[in-house]
């Protein structure tokens, strides 16, 4: 399913805020909330993920970073793979 322009813009905002050290500022599920008791669970996306033993929540998109960003704490490149939001 194609992502909306708004979803892409919110992901860009999250990536820029994380780069600036603020972490993710928007909700993981970008859309209408479900009714209580009818949760679809946590979505899985493909993103760059932290290589640390205790990973941070930074999940930069491959659209903004075609090459692996480097972790500021470990100095190692982030790993591309599945991430649960």
N, C-alpha and C. Protein backbone atom coordinates (compact mmCIF):
# COMPACT_ATOMS: atom_id res chain seq x y z
N UNK A 1 0.85 -1.18 0.00
CA UNK A 1 0.00 0.00 0.00
C UNK A 1 0.89 1.24 0.00
N UNK A 2 0.59 2.19 -0.83
CA UNK A 2 1.36 3.42 -0.94
C UNK A 2 1.15 4.29 0.29
N UNK A 3 2.23 4.91 0.74
CA UNK A 3 2.12 5.81 1.89
C UNK A 3 1.67 7.18 1.42
N UNK A 4 0.90 7.85 2.26
CA UNK A 4 0.41 9.17 1.90
C UNK A 4 1.52 10.21 2.03
N UNK A 5 1.28 11.35 1.43
CA UNK A 5 2.22 12.46 1.53
C UNK A 5 2.40 12.85 2.99
N UNK A 6 1.31 12.87 3.75
CA UNK A 6 1.38 13.23 5.16
C UNK A 6 2.26 12.24 5.94
N UNK A 7 2.10 10.94 5.68
CA UNK A 7 2.93 9.94 6.37
C UNK A 7 4.41 10.15 6.06
N UNK A 8 4.72 10.42 4.80
CA UNK A 8 6.12 10.66 4.43
C UNK A 8 6.66 11.92 5.11
N UNK A 9 5.83 12.96 5.18
CA UNK A 9 6.26 14.20 5.83
C UNK A 9 6.47 14.00 7.33
N UNK A 10 5.60 13.22 7.96
CA UNK A 10 5.76 12.94 9.39
C UNK A 10 6.99 12.10 9.65
N UNK A 11 7.29 11.14 8.78
CA UNK A 11 8.51 10.35 8.91
C UNK A 11 9.74 11.24 8.76
N UNK A 12 9.68 12.19 7.82
CA UNK A 12 10.78 13.13 7.64
C UNK A 12 10.97 13.96 8.90
N UNK A 13 9.87 14.43 9.48
CA UNK A 13 9.93 15.20 10.72
C UNK A 13 10.58 14.37 11.82
N UNK A 14 10.16 13.11 11.99
CA UNK A 14 10.75 12.24 13.00
C UNK A 14 12.24 12.05 12.78
N UNK A 15 12.63 11.81 11.54
CA UNK A 15 14.05 11.61 11.25
C UNK A 15 14.87 12.85 11.58
N UNK A 16 14.36 14.01 11.23
CA UNK A 16 15.10 15.25 11.50
C UNK A 16 15.15 15.55 12.99
N UNK A 17 14.07 15.29 13.71
CA UNK A 17 14.06 15.51 15.16
C UNK A 17 15.02 14.53 15.85
N UNK A 18 15.05 13.28 15.38
CA UNK A 18 15.97 12.29 15.95
C UNK A 18 17.42 12.70 15.69
N UNK A 19 17.69 13.19 14.49
CA UNK A 19 19.04 13.64 14.15
C UNK A 19 19.47 14.80 15.05
N UNK A 20 18.52 15.65 15.40
CA UNK A 20 18.80 16.79 16.26
C UNK A 20 18.86 16.41 17.74
N UNK A 21 18.56 15.13 18.05
CA UNK A 21 18.66 14.65 19.43
C UNK A 21 17.37 14.70 20.22
N UNK A 22 16.25 14.94 19.57
CA UNK A 22 14.98 15.03 20.28
C UNK A 22 14.20 13.72 20.31
N UNK A 23 14.59 12.75 19.48
CA UNK A 23 13.85 11.49 19.41
C UNK A 23 12.64 11.63 18.51
N UNK A 24 11.84 10.59 18.48
CA UNK A 24 10.65 10.56 17.63
C UNK A 24 9.56 11.40 18.29
N UNK A 25 8.92 12.28 17.52
CA UNK A 25 7.94 13.20 18.08
C UNK A 25 6.51 12.92 17.62
N UNK A 26 6.34 12.11 16.59
CA UNK A 26 4.98 11.77 16.17
C UNK A 26 4.66 10.35 16.60
N UNK A 27 3.41 9.99 16.52
CA UNK A 27 3.01 8.63 16.89
C UNK A 27 3.43 7.65 15.81
N UNK A 28 3.70 6.41 16.22
CA UNK A 28 4.11 5.38 15.27
C UNK A 28 3.02 5.09 14.25
N UNK A 29 1.78 4.98 14.71
CA UNK A 29 0.65 4.72 13.81
C UNK A 29 0.10 6.06 13.35
N UNK A 30 0.35 6.39 12.12
CA UNK A 30 -0.07 7.69 11.60
C UNK A 30 -1.39 7.51 10.87
N UNK A 31 -2.47 7.69 11.57
CA UNK A 31 -3.79 7.51 10.99
C UNK A 31 -4.85 7.57 12.08
N UNK A 32 -6.03 7.15 11.75
CA UNK A 32 -7.13 7.18 12.70
C UNK A 32 -6.96 6.06 13.74
N UNK A 33 -7.18 6.36 15.02
CA UNK A 33 -7.07 5.31 16.03
C UNK A 33 -8.20 4.29 15.87
N UNK A 34 -7.93 3.07 16.30
CA UNK A 34 -8.96 2.03 16.23
C UNK A 34 -9.85 2.10 17.47
N UNK A 35 -10.96 1.42 17.42
CA UNK A 35 -11.85 1.34 18.57
C UNK A 35 -11.21 0.50 19.66
N UNK A 36 -11.50 0.77 20.93
CA UNK A 36 -10.94 -0.03 22.01
C UNK A 36 -11.25 -1.52 21.80
N UNK A 37 -10.26 -2.36 22.06
CA UNK A 37 -10.44 -3.80 21.91
C UNK A 37 -10.30 -4.30 20.48
N UNK A 38 -10.02 -3.39 19.55
CA UNK A 38 -9.92 -3.78 18.15
C UNK A 38 -8.57 -3.35 17.56
N UNK A 39 -7.52 -3.41 18.38
CA UNK A 39 -6.20 -2.94 17.97
C UNK A 39 -5.56 -3.89 16.97
N UNK A 40 -4.99 -3.36 15.88
CA UNK A 40 -4.31 -4.22 14.91
C UNK A 40 -2.92 -4.62 15.36
N UNK A 41 -2.47 -4.15 16.53
CA UNK A 41 -1.11 -4.44 16.98
C UNK A 41 -0.16 -3.35 16.55
N UNK A 42 1.12 -3.63 16.69
CA UNK A 42 2.13 -2.65 16.32
C UNK A 42 2.62 -2.94 14.91
N UNK A 43 2.55 -1.96 14.01
CA UNK A 43 2.97 -2.20 12.62
C UNK A 43 4.47 -2.47 12.51
N UNK A 44 4.84 -3.24 11.51
CA UNK A 44 6.24 -3.53 11.22
C UNK A 44 6.60 -2.79 9.94
N UNK A 45 7.72 -2.07 9.99
CA UNK A 45 8.22 -1.33 8.83
C UNK A 45 9.68 -1.71 8.61
N UNK A 46 10.21 -1.36 7.46
CA UNK A 46 11.63 -1.57 7.18
C UNK A 46 12.32 -0.22 7.32
N UNK A 47 13.25 -0.15 8.24
CA UNK A 47 13.96 1.09 8.55
C UNK A 47 15.39 0.77 8.96
N UNK A 48 16.21 1.81 9.07
CA UNK A 48 17.52 1.68 9.67
C UNK A 48 17.32 1.57 11.17
N UNK A 49 18.00 0.64 11.83
CA UNK A 49 17.84 0.45 13.27
C UNK A 49 19.18 0.55 13.98
N UNK A 50 19.13 0.86 15.24
CA UNK A 50 20.31 1.06 16.07
C UNK A 50 21.07 -0.25 16.25
N UNK A 51 22.42 -0.22 16.11
CA UNK A 51 23.22 -1.43 16.24
C UNK A 51 23.65 -1.72 17.68
N UNK A 52 23.29 -0.86 18.63
CA UNK A 52 23.73 -1.02 20.02
C UNK A 52 23.05 -2.21 20.70
N UNK A 53 23.69 -2.71 21.76
CA UNK A 53 23.12 -3.83 22.53
C UNK A 53 21.77 -3.44 23.13
N UNK A 54 21.64 -2.20 23.54
CA UNK A 54 20.38 -1.66 24.04
C UNK A 54 19.98 -0.54 23.08
N UNK A 55 19.29 -0.88 21.98
CA UNK A 55 19.06 0.10 20.91
C UNK A 55 18.17 1.26 21.33
N UNK A 56 18.47 2.41 20.74
CA UNK A 56 17.61 3.58 20.93
C UNK A 56 16.39 3.42 20.02
N UNK A 57 15.51 4.39 20.05
CA UNK A 57 14.28 4.31 19.27
C UNK A 57 14.40 5.00 17.91
N UNK A 58 15.59 5.44 17.55
CA UNK A 58 15.77 6.12 16.27
C UNK A 58 15.55 5.12 15.13
N UNK A 59 14.69 5.48 14.18
CA UNK A 59 14.38 4.62 13.04
C UNK A 59 14.38 5.46 11.75
N UNK A 60 15.55 5.90 11.28
CA UNK A 60 15.57 6.71 10.06
C UNK A 60 15.10 5.91 8.84
N UNK A 61 14.46 6.59 7.93
CA UNK A 61 13.96 5.93 6.72
C UNK A 61 15.06 5.83 5.67
N UNK A 62 14.97 4.79 4.86
CA UNK A 62 15.93 4.61 3.76
C UNK A 62 15.70 5.63 2.66
N UNK A 63 14.50 6.23 2.62
CA UNK A 63 14.22 7.27 1.63
C UNK A 63 15.09 8.50 1.90
N UNK A 64 15.26 8.84 3.18
CA UNK A 64 16.08 10.00 3.53
C UNK A 64 17.56 9.64 3.60
N UNK A 65 17.85 8.40 3.92
CA UNK A 65 19.23 7.94 4.08
C UNK A 65 19.46 6.69 3.24
N UNK A 66 19.80 6.83 1.95
CA UNK A 66 20.04 5.66 1.11
C UNK A 66 21.23 4.83 1.61
N UNK A 67 22.21 5.49 2.21
CA UNK A 67 23.36 4.81 2.81
C UNK A 67 23.13 4.77 4.32
N UNK A 68 23.66 3.75 4.97
CA UNK A 68 23.45 3.57 6.41
C UNK A 68 23.98 4.76 7.21
N UNK A 69 23.12 5.40 8.02
CA UNK A 69 23.61 6.44 8.93
C UNK A 69 24.51 5.79 9.99
N UNK A 70 25.31 6.58 10.64
CA UNK A 70 26.20 6.08 11.67
C UNK A 70 25.62 6.42 13.04
N UNK A 71 25.67 5.44 13.94
CA UNK A 71 25.19 5.63 15.32
C UNK A 71 26.15 6.58 16.04
N UNK A 72 25.61 7.63 16.63
CA UNK A 72 26.43 8.62 17.34
C UNK A 72 27.06 8.04 18.60
N UNK A 73 26.42 7.03 19.19
CA UNK A 73 26.94 6.44 20.43
C UNK A 73 28.03 5.40 20.18
N UNK A 74 27.80 4.52 19.21
CA UNK A 74 28.73 3.40 18.98
C UNK A 74 29.72 3.67 17.85
N UNK A 75 29.39 4.61 16.95
CA UNK A 75 30.22 4.86 15.79
C UNK A 75 30.06 3.82 14.70
N UNK A 76 29.10 2.91 14.88
CA UNK A 76 28.85 1.85 13.91
C UNK A 76 27.67 2.23 13.02
N UNK A 77 27.65 1.72 11.77
CA UNK A 77 26.52 2.01 10.89
C UNK A 77 25.24 1.35 11.39
N UNK A 78 24.12 2.04 11.17
CA UNK A 78 22.83 1.44 11.51
C UNK A 78 22.57 0.28 10.57
N UNK A 79 21.68 -0.62 10.98
CA UNK A 79 21.38 -1.84 10.24
C UNK A 79 19.98 -1.71 9.64
N UNK A 80 19.85 -2.08 8.35
CA UNK A 80 18.55 -2.01 7.69
C UNK A 80 17.79 -3.31 7.94
N UNK A 81 16.55 -3.18 8.38
CA UNK A 81 15.74 -4.37 8.61
C UNK A 81 14.37 -4.02 9.15
N UNK A 82 13.69 -5.05 9.61
CA UNK A 82 12.34 -4.88 10.14
C UNK A 82 12.38 -4.23 11.51
N UNK A 83 11.48 -3.29 11.71
CA UNK A 83 11.36 -2.61 13.00
C UNK A 83 9.89 -2.54 13.36
N UNK A 84 9.59 -2.84 14.59
CA UNK A 84 8.21 -2.77 15.08
C UNK A 84 8.00 -1.39 15.69
N UNK A 85 7.01 -0.67 15.18
CA UNK A 85 6.72 0.68 15.67
C UNK A 85 5.93 0.61 16.95
